[in-house]
Full PDB file with SEQRES, HELIX, SHEET, SSBOND, CRYST1, ORIGX, SCALE, CONECT and MASTER records, all heavy atoms in Angstrom:
SEQRES   1 A   31  SER THR TRP THR TRP SER ALA PRO GLY VAL ALA ALA PHE          
SEQRES   2 A   31  GLY ARG THR ALA PRO PRO GLY GLY ASP ARG ARG PRO CYS          
SEQRES   3 A   31  HIS HIS ALA ALA ALA                                          
HELIX    1 AA1 ALA A    7  GLY A   14  1                                   8    
CRYST1    1.000    1.000    1.000  90.00  90.00  90.00 P 1           1          
ORIGX1      1.000000  0.000000  0.000000        0.00000                         
ORIGX2      0.000000  1.000000  0.000000        0.00000                         
ORIGX3      0.000000  0.000000  1.000000        0.00000                         
SCALE1      1.000000  0.000000  0.000000        0.00000                         
SCALE2      0.000000  1.000000  0.000000        0.00000                         
SCALE3      0.000000  0.000000  1.000000        0.00000                         
ATOM      1  N   SER A   1     -17.657   4.661  42.821  1.00  0.00           N  
ATOM      2  CA  SER A   1     -18.028   3.638  41.839  1.00  0.00           C  
ATOM      3  C   SER A   1     -17.719   4.079  40.419  1.00  0.00           C  
ATOM      4  O   SER A   1     -17.788   3.264  39.492  1.00  0.00           O  
ATOM      5  CB  SER A   1     -19.515   3.287  41.970  1.00  0.00           C  
ATOM      6  OG  SER A   1     -20.330   4.370  41.544  1.00  0.00           O  
ATOM      7  N   THR A   2     -17.369   5.356  40.233  1.00  0.00           N  
ATOM      8  CA  THR A   2     -17.036   5.867  38.897  1.00  0.00           C  
ATOM      9  C   THR A   2     -15.527   5.970  38.668  1.00  0.00           C  
ATOM     10  O   THR A   2     -15.103   6.293  37.559  1.00  0.00           O  
ATOM     11  CB  THR A   2     -17.657   7.260  38.671  1.00  0.00           C  
ATOM     12  OG1 THR A   2     -16.991   8.230  39.509  1.00  0.00           O  
ATOM     13  CG2 THR A   2     -19.147   7.254  38.985  1.00  0.00           C  
ATOM     14  N   TRP A   3     -14.729   5.713  39.709  1.00  0.00           N  
ATOM     15  CA  TRP A   3     -13.272   5.839  39.584  1.00  0.00           C  
ATOM     16  C   TRP A   3     -12.670   4.493  39.215  1.00  0.00           C  
ATOM     17  O   TRP A   3     -13.044   3.456  39.781  1.00  0.00           O  
ATOM     18  CB  TRP A   3     -12.652   6.317  40.903  1.00  0.00           C  
ATOM     19  CG  TRP A   3     -13.109   7.671  41.342  1.00  0.00           C  
ATOM     20  CD1 TRP A   3     -13.578   8.680  40.555  1.00  0.00           C  
ATOM     21  CD2 TRP A   3     -13.148   8.161  42.688  1.00  0.00           C  
ATOM     22  NE1 TRP A   3     -13.895   9.771  41.322  1.00  0.00           N  
ATOM     23  CE2 TRP A   3     -13.641   9.490  42.632  1.00  0.00           C  
ATOM     24  CE3 TRP A   3     -12.801   7.615  43.921  1.00  0.00           C  
ATOM     25  CZ2 TRP A   3     -13.805  10.265  43.767  1.00  0.00           C  
ATOM     26  CZ3 TRP A   3     -12.963   8.382  45.060  1.00  0.00           C  
ATOM     27  CH2 TRP A   3     -13.454   9.691  44.978  1.00  0.00           C  
ATOM     28  N   THR A   4     -11.707   4.506  38.326  1.00  0.00           N  
ATOM     29  CA  THR A   4     -11.092   3.271  37.863  1.00  0.00           C  
ATOM     30  C   THR A   4     -10.477   2.470  38.999  1.00  0.00           C  
ATOM     31  O   THR A   4     -10.626   1.243  39.076  1.00  0.00           O  
ATOM     32  CB  THR A   4     -10.014   3.572  36.808  1.00  0.00           C  
ATOM     33  OG1 THR A   4     -10.610   4.291  35.726  1.00  0.00           O  
ATOM     34  CG2 THR A   4      -9.392   2.295  36.284  1.00  0.00           C  
ATOM     35  N   TRP A   5      -9.793   3.150  39.914  1.00  0.00           N  
ATOM     36  CA  TRP A   5      -9.068   2.430  40.963  1.00  0.00           C  
ATOM     37  C   TRP A   5      -9.964   1.845  42.041  1.00  0.00           C  
ATOM     38  O   TRP A   5      -9.599   0.872  42.707  1.00  0.00           O  
ATOM     39  CB  TRP A   5      -8.011   3.320  41.603  1.00  0.00           C  
ATOM     40  CG  TRP A   5      -8.525   4.504  42.379  1.00  0.00           C  
ATOM     41  CD1 TRP A   5      -8.712   5.772  41.914  1.00  0.00           C  
ATOM     42  CD2 TRP A   5      -8.904   4.537  43.769  1.00  0.00           C  
ATOM     43  NE1 TRP A   5      -9.183   6.596  42.906  1.00  0.00           N  
ATOM     44  CE2 TRP A   5      -9.300   5.867  44.059  1.00  0.00           C  
ATOM     45  CE3 TRP A   5      -8.927   3.583  44.783  1.00  0.00           C  
ATOM     46  CZ2 TRP A   5      -9.741   6.256  45.328  1.00  0.00           C  
ATOM     47  CZ3 TRP A   5      -9.360   3.967  46.058  1.00  0.00           C  
ATOM     48  CH2 TRP A   5      -9.758   5.292  46.319  1.00  0.00           C  
ATOM     49  N   SER A   6     -11.155   2.415  42.240  1.00  0.00           N  
ATOM     50  CA  SER A   6     -12.017   1.960  43.327  1.00  0.00           C  
ATOM     51  C   SER A   6     -13.275   1.232  42.869  1.00  0.00           C  
ATOM     52  O   SER A   6     -13.881   0.498  43.659  1.00  0.00           O  
ATOM     53  CB  SER A   6     -12.430   3.155  44.191  1.00  0.00           C  
ATOM     54  OG  SER A   6     -13.028   4.168  43.404  1.00  0.00           O  
ATOM     55  N   ALA A   7     -13.676   1.401  41.612  1.00  0.00           N  
ATOM     56  CA  ALA A   7     -14.934   0.823  41.131  1.00  0.00           C  
ATOM     57  C   ALA A   7     -15.015  -0.693  41.314  1.00  0.00           C  
ATOM     58  O   ALA A   7     -16.056  -1.203  41.772  1.00  0.00           O  
ATOM     59  CB  ALA A   7     -15.159   1.207  39.662  1.00  0.00           C  
ATOM     60  N   PRO A   8     -13.962  -1.475  40.972  1.00  0.00           N  
ATOM     61  CA  PRO A   8     -14.082  -2.930  41.160  1.00  0.00           C  
ATOM     62  C   PRO A   8     -14.324  -3.330  42.620  1.00  0.00           C  
ATOM     63  O   PRO A   8     -15.136  -4.214  42.901  1.00  0.00           O  
ATOM     64  CB  PRO A   8     -12.741  -3.462  40.648  1.00  0.00           C  
ATOM     65  CG  PRO A   8     -12.256  -2.419  39.691  1.00  0.00           C  
ATOM     66  CD  PRO A   8     -12.695  -1.118  40.296  1.00  0.00           C  
ATOM     67  N   GLY A   9     -13.625  -2.677  43.546  1.00  0.00           N  
ATOM     68  CA  GLY A   9     -13.801  -3.004  44.952  1.00  0.00           C  
ATOM     69  C   GLY A   9     -15.176  -2.623  45.470  1.00  0.00           C  
ATOM     70  O   GLY A   9     -15.796  -3.371  46.233  1.00  0.00           O  
ATOM     71  N   VAL A  10     -15.664  -1.459  45.055  1.00  0.00           N  
ATOM     72  CA  VAL A  10     -17.007  -1.041  45.462  1.00  0.00           C  
ATOM     73  C   VAL A  10     -18.052  -2.009  44.913  1.00  0.00           C  
ATOM     74  O   VAL A  10     -19.002  -2.384  45.607  1.00  0.00           O  
ATOM     75  CB  VAL A  10     -17.279   0.400  44.990  1.00  0.00           C  
ATOM     76  CG1 VAL A  10     -18.739   0.781  45.236  1.00  0.00           C  
ATOM     77  CG2 VAL A  10     -16.354   1.385  45.702  1.00  0.00           C  
ATOM     78  N   ALA A  11     -17.862  -2.427  43.669  1.00  0.00           N  
ATOM     79  CA  ALA A  11     -18.804  -3.371  43.061  1.00  0.00           C  
ATOM     80  C   ALA A  11     -18.768  -4.719  43.768  1.00  0.00           C  
ATOM     81  O   ALA A  11     -19.809  -5.342  44.009  1.00  0.00           O  
ATOM     82  CB  ALA A  11     -18.485  -3.539  41.575  1.00  0.00           C  
ATOM     83  N   ALA A  12     -17.556  -5.178  44.109  1.00  0.00           N  
ATOM     84  CA  ALA A  12     -17.428  -6.454  44.809  1.00  0.00           C  
ATOM     85  C   ALA A  12     -18.126  -6.402  46.158  1.00  0.00           C  
ATOM     86  O   ALA A  12     -18.813  -7.354  46.555  1.00  0.00           O  
ATOM     87  CB  ALA A  12     -15.949  -6.808  44.992  1.00  0.00           C  
ATOM     88  N   PHE A  13     -17.979  -5.289  46.861  1.00  0.00           N  
ATOM     89  CA  PHE A  13     -18.664  -5.147  48.140  1.00  0.00           C  
ATOM     90  C   PHE A  13     -20.171  -5.102  47.937  1.00  0.00           C  
ATOM     91  O   PHE A  13     -20.931  -5.721  48.676  1.00  0.00           O  
ATOM     92  CB  PHE A  13     -18.193  -3.890  48.861  1.00  0.00           C  
ATOM     93  CG  PHE A  13     -18.922  -3.663  50.154  1.00  0.00           C  
ATOM     94  CD1 PHE A  13     -18.611  -4.424  51.261  1.00  0.00           C  
ATOM     95  CD2 PHE A  13     -19.926  -2.727  50.247  1.00  0.00           C  
ATOM     96  CE1 PHE A  13     -19.293  -4.236  52.459  1.00  0.00           C  
ATOM     97  CE2 PHE A  13     -20.614  -2.535  51.433  1.00  0.00           C  
ATOM     98  CZ  PHE A  13     -20.295  -3.295  52.543  1.00  0.00           C  
ATOM     99  N   GLY A  14     -20.619  -4.373  46.919  1.00  0.00           N  
ATOM    100  CA  GLY A  14     -22.049  -4.269  46.663  1.00  0.00           C  
ATOM    101  C   GLY A  14     -22.693  -5.609  46.371  1.00  0.00           C  
ATOM    102  O   GLY A  14     -23.858  -5.831  46.712  1.00  0.00           O  
ATOM    103  N   ARG A  15     -21.946  -6.521  45.758  1.00  0.00           N  
ATOM    104  CA  ARG A  15     -22.519  -7.829  45.411  1.00  0.00           C  
ATOM    105  C   ARG A  15     -22.758  -8.698  46.640  1.00  0.00           C  
ATOM    106  O   ARG A  15     -23.466  -9.704  46.551  1.00  0.00           O  
ATOM    107  CB  ARG A  15     -21.587  -8.564  44.441  1.00  0.00           C  
ATOM    108  CG  ARG A  15     -21.598  -7.986  43.039  1.00  0.00           C  
ATOM    109  CD  ARG A  15     -20.923  -8.930  42.047  1.00  0.00           C  
ATOM    110  NE  ARG A  15     -19.493  -9.052  42.283  1.00  0.00           N  
ATOM    111  CZ  ARG A  15     -18.572  -8.258  41.735  1.00  0.00           C  
ATOM    112  NH1 ARG A  15     -18.948  -7.268  40.915  1.00  0.00           N  
ATOM    113  NH2 ARG A  15     -17.290  -8.442  41.984  1.00  0.00           N  
ATOM    114  N   THR A  16     -22.190  -8.307  47.777  1.00  0.00           N  
ATOM    115  CA  THR A  16     -22.391  -9.095  48.995  1.00  0.00           C  
ATOM    116  C   THR A  16     -23.608  -8.639  49.784  1.00  0.00           C  
ATOM    117  O   THR A  16     -23.944  -9.257  50.792  1.00  0.00           O  
ATOM    118  CB  THR A  16     -21.152  -9.005  49.910  1.00  0.00           C  
ATOM    119  OG1 THR A  16     -21.022  -7.662  50.420  1.00  0.00           O  
ATOM    120  CG2 THR A  16     -19.900  -9.384  49.149  1.00  0.00           C  
ATOM    121  N   ALA A  17     -24.256  -7.574  49.347  1.00  0.00           N  
ATOM    122  CA  ALA A  17     -25.440  -7.086  50.051  1.00  0.00           C  
ATOM    123  C   ALA A  17     -26.558  -8.111  49.935  1.00  0.00           C  
ATOM    124  O   ALA A  17     -26.683  -8.797  48.917  1.00  0.00           O  
ATOM    125  CB  ALA A  17     -25.890  -5.750  49.476  1.00  0.00           C  
ATOM    126  N   PRO A  18     -27.381  -8.265  50.967  1.00  0.00           N  
ATOM    127  CA  PRO A  18     -28.487  -9.228  50.895  1.00  0.00           C  
ATOM    128  C   PRO A  18     -29.479  -8.823  49.817  1.00  0.00           C  
ATOM    129  O   PRO A  18     -29.594  -7.646  49.474  1.00  0.00           O  
ATOM    130  CB  PRO A  18     -29.121  -9.139  52.295  1.00  0.00           C  
ATOM    131  CG  PRO A  18     -28.712  -7.793  52.820  1.00  0.00           C  
ATOM    132  CD  PRO A  18     -27.356  -7.539  52.240  1.00  0.00           C  
ATOM    133  N   PRO A  19     -30.185  -9.792  49.232  1.00  0.00           N  
ATOM    134  CA  PRO A  19     -31.165  -9.468  48.187  1.00  0.00           C  
ATOM    135  C   PRO A  19     -32.173  -8.423  48.665  1.00  0.00           C  
ATOM    136  O   PRO A  19     -32.737  -8.540  49.759  1.00  0.00           O  
ATOM    137  CB  PRO A  19     -31.850 -10.819  47.929  1.00  0.00           C  
ATOM    138  CG  PRO A  19     -30.837 -11.839  48.346  1.00  0.00           C  
ATOM    139  CD  PRO A  19     -30.115 -11.227  49.518  1.00  0.00           C  
ATOM    140  N   GLY A  20     -32.340  -7.392  47.873  1.00  0.00           N  
ATOM    141  CA  GLY A  20     -33.269  -6.332  48.233  1.00  0.00           C  
ATOM    142  C   GLY A  20     -32.708  -5.337  49.219  1.00  0.00           C  
ATOM    143  O   GLY A  20     -33.360  -4.352  49.559  1.00  0.00           O  
ATOM    144  N   GLY A  21     -31.470  -5.577  49.697  1.00  0.00           N  
ATOM    145  CA  GLY A  21     -30.873  -4.665  50.666  1.00  0.00           C  
ATOM    146  C   GLY A  21     -30.261  -3.467  49.983  1.00  0.00           C  
ATOM    147  O   GLY A  21     -30.070  -3.439  48.776  1.00  0.00           O  
ATOM    148  N   ASP A  22     -29.967  -2.446  50.794  1.00  0.00           N  
ATOM    149  CA  ASP A  22     -29.347  -1.251  50.228  1.00  0.00           C  
ATOM    150  C   ASP A  22     -27.842  -1.478  50.082  1.00  0.00           C  
ATOM    151  O   ASP A  22     -27.283  -2.443  50.588  1.00  0.00           O  
ATOM    152  CB  ASP A  22     -29.617  -0.015  51.089  1.00  0.00           C  
ATOM    153  CG  ASP A  22     -29.109  -0.180  52.508  1.00  0.00           C  
ATOM    154  OD1 ASP A  22     -28.581  -1.263  52.822  1.00  0.00           O  
ATOM    155  OD2 ASP A  22     -29.234   0.768  53.289  1.00  0.00           O  
ATOM    156  N   ARG A  23     -27.210  -0.583  49.335  1.00  0.00           N  
ATOM    157  CA  ARG A  23     -25.761  -0.682  49.168  1.00  0.00           C  
ATOM    158  C   ARG A  23     -25.102  -0.173  50.428  1.00  0.00           C  
ATOM    159  O   ARG A  23     -25.332   0.947  50.854  1.00  0.00           O  
ATOM    160  CB  ARG A  23     -25.321   0.156  47.958  1.00  0.00           C  
ATOM    161  CG  ARG A  23     -23.820   0.108  47.725  1.00  0.00           C  
ATOM    162  CD  ARG A  23     -23.451   0.852  46.467  1.00  0.00           C  
ATOM    163  NE  ARG A  23     -23.904   2.229  46.537  1.00  0.00           N  
ATOM    164  CZ  ARG A  23     -23.951   3.051  45.486  1.00  0.00           C  
ATOM    165  NH1 ARG A  23     -23.603   2.620  44.307  1.00  0.00           N  
ATOM    166  NH2 ARG A  23     -24.374   4.294  45.635  1.00  0.00           N  
ATOM    167  N   ARG A  24     -24.312  -1.020  51.065  1.00  0.00           N  
ATOM    168  CA  ARG A  24     -23.678  -0.626  52.307  1.00  0.00           C  
ATOM    169  C   ARG A  24     -22.168  -0.717  52.158  1.00  0.00           C  
ATOM    170  O   ARG A  24     -21.669  -1.451  51.301  1.00  0.00           O  
ATOM    171  CB  ARG A  24     -24.165  -1.520  53.449  1.00  0.00           C  
ATOM    172  CG  ARG A  24     -25.648  -1.289  53.755  1.00  0.00           C  
ATOM    173  CD  ARG A  24     -26.085  -2.029  54.981  1.00  0.00           C  
ATOM    174  NE  ARG A  24     -26.104  -3.478  54.770  1.00  0.00           N  
ATOM    175  CZ  ARG A  24     -26.309  -4.363  55.749  1.00  0.00           C  
ATOM    176  NH1 ARG A  24     -26.516  -3.959  56.963  1.00  0.00           N  
ATOM    177  NH2 ARG A  24     -26.306  -5.646  55.488  1.00  0.00           N  
ATOM    178  N   PRO A  25     -21.391  -0.026  52.995  1.00  0.00           N  
ATOM    179  CA  PRO A  25     -21.858   0.808  54.097  1.00  0.00           C  
ATOM    180  C   PRO A  25     -22.333   2.164  53.621  1.00  0.00           C  
ATOM    181  O   PRO A  25     -21.867   2.657  52.606  1.00  0.00           O  
ATOM    182  CB  PRO A  25     -20.601   0.965  54.949  1.00  0.00           C  
ATOM    183  CG  PRO A  25     -19.501   0.928  53.948  1.00  0.00           C  
ATOM    184  CD  PRO A  25     -19.920  -0.061  52.898  1.00  0.00           C  
ATOM    185  N   CYS A  26     -23.268   2.727  54.329  1.00  0.00           N  
ATOM    186  CA  CYS A  26     -23.775   4.050  53.978  1.00  0.00           C  
ATOM    187  C   CYS A  26     -23.128   5.137  54.808  1.00  0.00           C  
ATOM    188  O   CYS A  26     -23.048   6.264  54.358  1.00  0.00           O  
ATOM    189  CB  CYS A  26     -25.301   4.088  54.130  1.00  0.00           C  
ATOM    190  SG  CYS A  26     -26.187   3.203  52.832  1.00  0.00           S  
ATOM    191  N   HIS A  27     -22.719   4.821  56.020  1.00  0.00           N  
ATOM    192  CA  HIS A  27     -22.125   5.861  56.839  1.00  0.00           C  
ATOM    193  C   HIS A  27     -20.758   6.268  56.301  1.00  0.00           C  
ATOM    194  O   HIS A  27     -20.007   5.450  55.769  1.00  0.00           O  
ATOM    195  CB  HIS A  27     -21.987   5.397  58.294  1.00  0.00           C  
ATOM    196  CG  HIS A  27     -23.270   5.408  59.045  1.00  0.00           C  
ATOM    197  ND1 HIS A  27     -23.862   6.565  59.480  1.00  0.00           N  
ATOM    198  CD2 HIS A  27     -24.101   4.395  59.408  1.00  0.00           C  
ATOM    199  CE1 HIS A  27     -24.995   6.273  60.111  1.00  0.00           C  
ATOM    200  NE2 HIS A  27     -25.166   4.965  60.069  1.00  0.00           N  
ATOM    201  N   HIS A  28     -20.460   7.553  56.450  1.00  0.00           N  
ATOM    202  CA  HIS A  28     -19.238   8.102  55.872  1.00  0.00           C  
ATOM    203  C   HIS A  28     -17.994   7.396  56.394  1.00  0.00           C  
ATOM    204  O   HIS A  28     -17.086   7.065  55.623  1.00  0.00           O  
ATOM    205  CB  HIS A  28     -19.183   9.604  56.184  1.00  0.00           C  
ATOM    206  CG  HIS A  28     -18.065  10.310  55.499  1.00  0.00           C  
ATOM    207  ND1 HIS A  28     -17.483  11.456  56.024  1.00  0.00           N  
ATOM    208  CD2 HIS A  28     -17.391  10.052  54.346  1.00  0.00           C  
ATOM    209  CE1 HIS A  28     -16.531  11.861  55.202  1.00  0.00           C  
ATOM    210  NE2 HIS A  28     -16.447  11.038  54.189  1.00  0.00           N  
ATOM    211  N   ALA A  29     -17.909   7.164  57.693  1.00  0.00           N  
ATOM    212  CA  ALA A  29     -16.701   6.572  58.265  1.00  0.00           C  
ATOM    213  C   ALA A  29     -16.456   5.166  57.729  1.00  0.00           C  
ATOM    214  O   ALA A  29     -15.311   4.792  57.412  1.00  0.00           O  
ATOM    215  CB  ALA A  29     -16.794   6.549  59.785  1.00  0.00           C  
ATOM    216  N   ALA A  30     -17.501   4.352  57.636  1.00  0.00           N  
ATOM    217  CA  ALA A  30     -17.337   2.990  57.129  1.00  0.00           C  
ATOM    218  C   ALA A  30     -16.980   2.996  55.652  1.00  0.00           C  
ATOM    219  O   ALA A  30     -16.132   2.224  55.200  1.00  0.00           O  
ATOM    220  CB  ALA A  30     -18.608   2.183  57.384  1.00  0.00           C  
ATOM    221  N   ALA A  31     -17.637   3.859  54.878  1.00  0.00           N  
ATOM    222  CA  ALA A  31     -17.322   3.965  53.454  1.00  0.00           C  
ATOM    223  C   ALA A  31     -15.895   4.450  53.260  1.00  0.00           C  
ATOM    224  O   ALA A  31     -15.166   3.966  52.384  1.00  0.00           O  
ATOM    225  CB  ALA A  31     -18.310   4.915  52.777  1.00  0.00           C  
TER     226      ALA A  31                                                      
MASTER        0    0    0    1    0    0    0    6  225    1    0    3          
END                                                                             
């Protein structure tokens, strides 16, 4: 989330998390 090339995509994915949900995916393979 701190890298220029990946931050927008990580943020876009994070915005799809359900309200009150954690930031997913958390597992290394999915991330």
